[in-house]
Amino acid sequence: MSQLVGIVQRLKSLQEGGEQGEVQQRLFELNGKTLCQVKYFPNKDTFELEVYDKDGKGSKYPFDDIDMTAIEIFELLQEAKQEAQE
């Protein structure tokens, strides 16, 4: 659960950093591998989650809710941890 809290805190820092109107972004990695990138668009108050596949190609998903964005990132990290253990 503490990992989910950490994700929410990182997303909130994106919102706070976006107060100047600039698009903010963060990478989420596991064991040196970038799993996704999150961008926050302050003019729309939305997040864009770009999830990278094994080939490094990204698929983008828009979110207007910080909690749903955090849950999606959390699930990506959990899946990647499970795959790493196999």
C-alpha atoms as a PDB file:
ATOM      1  CA  MET A   1       0.000   0.000   0.000  1.00  0.00           C
ATOM      2  CA  SER A   2       2.875   2.391   0.698  1.00  0.00           C
ATOM      3  CA  GLN A   3       3.913   2.087  -2.955  1.00  0.00           C
ATOM      4  CA  LEU A   4       0.489   3.376  -4.014  1.00  0.00           C
ATOM      5  CA  VAL A   5       0.835   6.334  -1.632  1.00  0.00           C
ATOM      6  CA  GLY A   6       4.238   7.107  -3.156  1.00  0.00           C
ATOM      7  CA  ILE A   7       2.741   7.062  -6.655  1.00  0.00           C
ATOM      8  CA  VAL A   8      -0.039   9.453  -5.614  1.00  0.00           C
ATOM      9  CA  GLN A   9       2.538  11.786  -4.050  1.00  0.00           C
ATOM     10  CA  ARG A  10       4.551  11.829  -7.276  1.00  0.00           C
ATOM     11  CA  LEU A  11       1.403  12.613  -9.281  1.00  0.00           C
ATOM     12  CA  LYS A  12       0.483  15.417  -6.872  1.00  0.00           C
ATOM     13  CA  SER A  13       3.957  16.884  -7.327  1.00  0.00           C
ATOM     14  CA  LEU A  14       3.251  16.935 -11.073  1.00  0.00           C
ATOM     15  CA  GLN A  15       0.101  18.933 -10.405  1.00  0.00           C
ATOM     16  CA  GLU A  16       1.920  21.356  -8.126  1.00  0.00           C
ATOM     17  CA  GLY A  17       4.746  21.789 -10.629  1.00  0.00           C
ATOM     18  CA  GLY A  18       2.226  22.432 -13.386  1.00  0.00           C
ATOM     19  CA  GLU A  19       0.867  25.519 -11.679  1.00  0.00           C
ATOM     20  CA  GLN A  20       3.114  27.624 -13.914  1.00  0.00           C
ATOM     21  CA  GLY A  21       1.244  26.235 -16.921  1.00  0.00           C
ATOM     22  CA  GLU A  22       4.032  23.978 -18.171  1.00  0.00           C
ATOM     23  CA  VAL A  23       3.484  20.291 -18.940  1.00  0.00           C
ATOM     24  CA  GLN A  24       5.143  18.181 -16.237  1.00  0.00           C
ATOM     25  CA  GLN A  25       6.330  14.588 -16.689  1.00  0.00           C
ATOM     26  CA  ARG A  26       7.705  11.686 -14.660  1.00  0.00           C
ATOM     27  CA  LEU A  27       9.055   8.260 -15.517  1.00  0.00           C
ATOM     28  CA  PHE A  28       8.216   5.131 -13.557  1.00  0.00           C
ATOM     29  CA  GLU A  29      10.862   2.428 -13.688  1.00  0.00           C
ATOM     30  CA  LEU A  30      11.516  -0.989 -12.223  1.00  0.00           C
ATOM     31  CA  ASN A  31      15.025  -2.448 -12.087  1.00  0.00           C
ATOM     32  CA  GLY A  32      16.290   0.177 -14.532  1.00  0.00           C
ATOM     33  CA  LYS A  33      13.566  -0.506 -17.101  1.00  0.00           C
ATOM     34  CA  THR A  34      11.166   2.320 -17.939  1.00  0.00           C
ATOM     35  CA  LEU A  35       7.611   0.997 -17.692  1.00  0.00           C
ATOM     36  CA  CYS A  36       5.690   4.194 -18.314  1.00  0.00           C
ATOM     37  CA  GLN A  37       5.782   7.941 -18.484  1.00  0.00           C
ATOM     38  CA  VAL A  38       3.151  10.228 -17.032  1.00  0.00           C
ATOM     39  CA  LYS A  39       2.507  13.747 -18.245  1.00  0.00           C
ATOM     40  CA  TYR A  40       0.292  16.273 -16.499  1.00  0.00           C
ATOM     41  CA  PHE A  41      -1.426  18.934 -18.590  1.00  0.00           C
ATOM     42  CA  PRO A  42      -2.381  21.794 -16.254  1.00  0.00           C
ATOM     43  CA  ASN A  43      -4.510  23.648 -18.811  1.00  0.00           C
ATOM     44  CA  LYS A  44      -6.813  20.589 -19.057  1.00  0.00           C
ATOM     45  CA  ASP A  45      -6.160  19.213 -15.535  1.00  0.00           C
ATOM     46  CA  THR A  46      -5.538  15.788 -17.080  1.00  0.00           C
ATOM     47  CA  PHE A  47      -2.875  13.108 -17.019  1.00  0.00           C
ATOM     48  CA  GLU A  48      -1.544  11.138 -19.959  1.00  0.00           C
ATOM     49  CA  LEU A  49      -0.083   7.734 -19.212  1.00  0.00           C
ATOM     50  CA  GLU A  50       2.230   6.304 -21.858  1.00  0.00           C
ATOM     51  CA  VAL A  51       2.837   2.600 -21.255  1.00  0.00           C
ATOM     52  CA  TYR A  52       5.864   1.036 -22.938  1.00  0.00           C
ATOM     53  CA  ASP A  53       5.794  -2.531 -24.224  1.00  0.00           C
ATOM     54  CA  LYS A  54       8.785  -4.876 -24.325  1.00  0.00           C
ATOM     55  CA  ASP A  55       9.943  -3.307 -27.600  1.00  0.00           C
ATOM     56  CA  GLY A  56       9.821   0.200 -26.129  1.00  0.00           C
ATOM     57  CA  LYS A  57       6.771   1.248 -28.108  1.00  0.00           C
ATOM     58  CA  GLY A  58       4.287   3.371 -26.199  1.00  0.00           C
ATOM     59  CA  SER A  59       0.520   3.377 -25.933  1.00  0.00           C
ATOM     60  CA  LYS A  60      -1.073   6.527 -24.522  1.00  0.00           C
ATOM     61  CA  TYR A  61      -4.075   6.664 -22.189  1.00  0.00           C
ATOM     62  CA  PRO A  62      -5.741   9.854 -20.910  1.00  0.00           C
ATOM     63  CA  PHE A  63      -6.989  10.178 -17.316  1.00  0.00           C
ATOM     64  CA  ASP A  64      -8.829  13.005 -15.615  1.00  0.00           C
ATOM     65  CA  ASP A  65      -8.606  11.452 -12.145  1.00  0.00           C
ATOM     66  CA  ILE A  66      -5.407  11.245 -10.091  1.00  0.00           C
ATOM     67  CA  ASP A  67      -6.555   8.105  -8.251  1.00  0.00           C
ATOM     68  CA  MET A  68      -7.286   6.149 -11.426  1.00  0.00           C
ATOM     69  CA  THR A  69      -3.929   7.203 -12.854  1.00  0.00           C
ATOM     70  CA  ALA A  70      -2.157   6.025  -9.690  1.00  0.00           C
ATOM     71  CA  ILE A  71      -3.973   2.677  -9.694  1.00  0.00           C
ATOM     72  CA  GLU A  72      -3.019   2.047 -13.317  1.00  0.00           C
ATOM     73  CA  ILE A  73       0.647   2.786 -12.578  1.00  0.00           C
ATOM     74  CA  PHE A  74       0.530   0.603  -9.460  1.00  0.00           C
ATOM     75  CA  GLU A  75      -0.891  -2.312 -11.463  1.00  0.00           C
ATOM     76  CA  LEU A  76       1.824  -1.894 -14.126  1.00  0.00           C
ATOM     77  CA  LEU A  77       4.517  -2.027 -11.460  1.00  0.00           C
ATOM     78  CA  GLN A  78       2.961  -5.100  -9.830  1.00  0.00           C
ATOM     79  CA  GLU A  79       2.739  -6.947 -13.156  1.00  0.00           C
ATOM     80  CA  ALA A  80       6.368  -6.104 -13.934  1.00  0.00           C
ATOM     81  CA  LYS A  81       7.462  -7.354 -10.490  1.00  0.00           C
ATOM     82  CA  GLN A  82       5.648 -10.637 -11.029  1.00  0.00           C
ATOM     83  CA  GLU A  83       7.208 -11.089 -14.472  1.00  0.00           C
ATOM     84  CA  ALA A  84      10.656 -10.384 -13.028  1.00  0.00           C
ATOM     85  CA  GLN A  85      10.184 -13.132 -10.428  1.00  0.00           C
ATOM     86  CA  GLU A  86       9.251 -15.756 -13.010  1.00  0.00           C
END
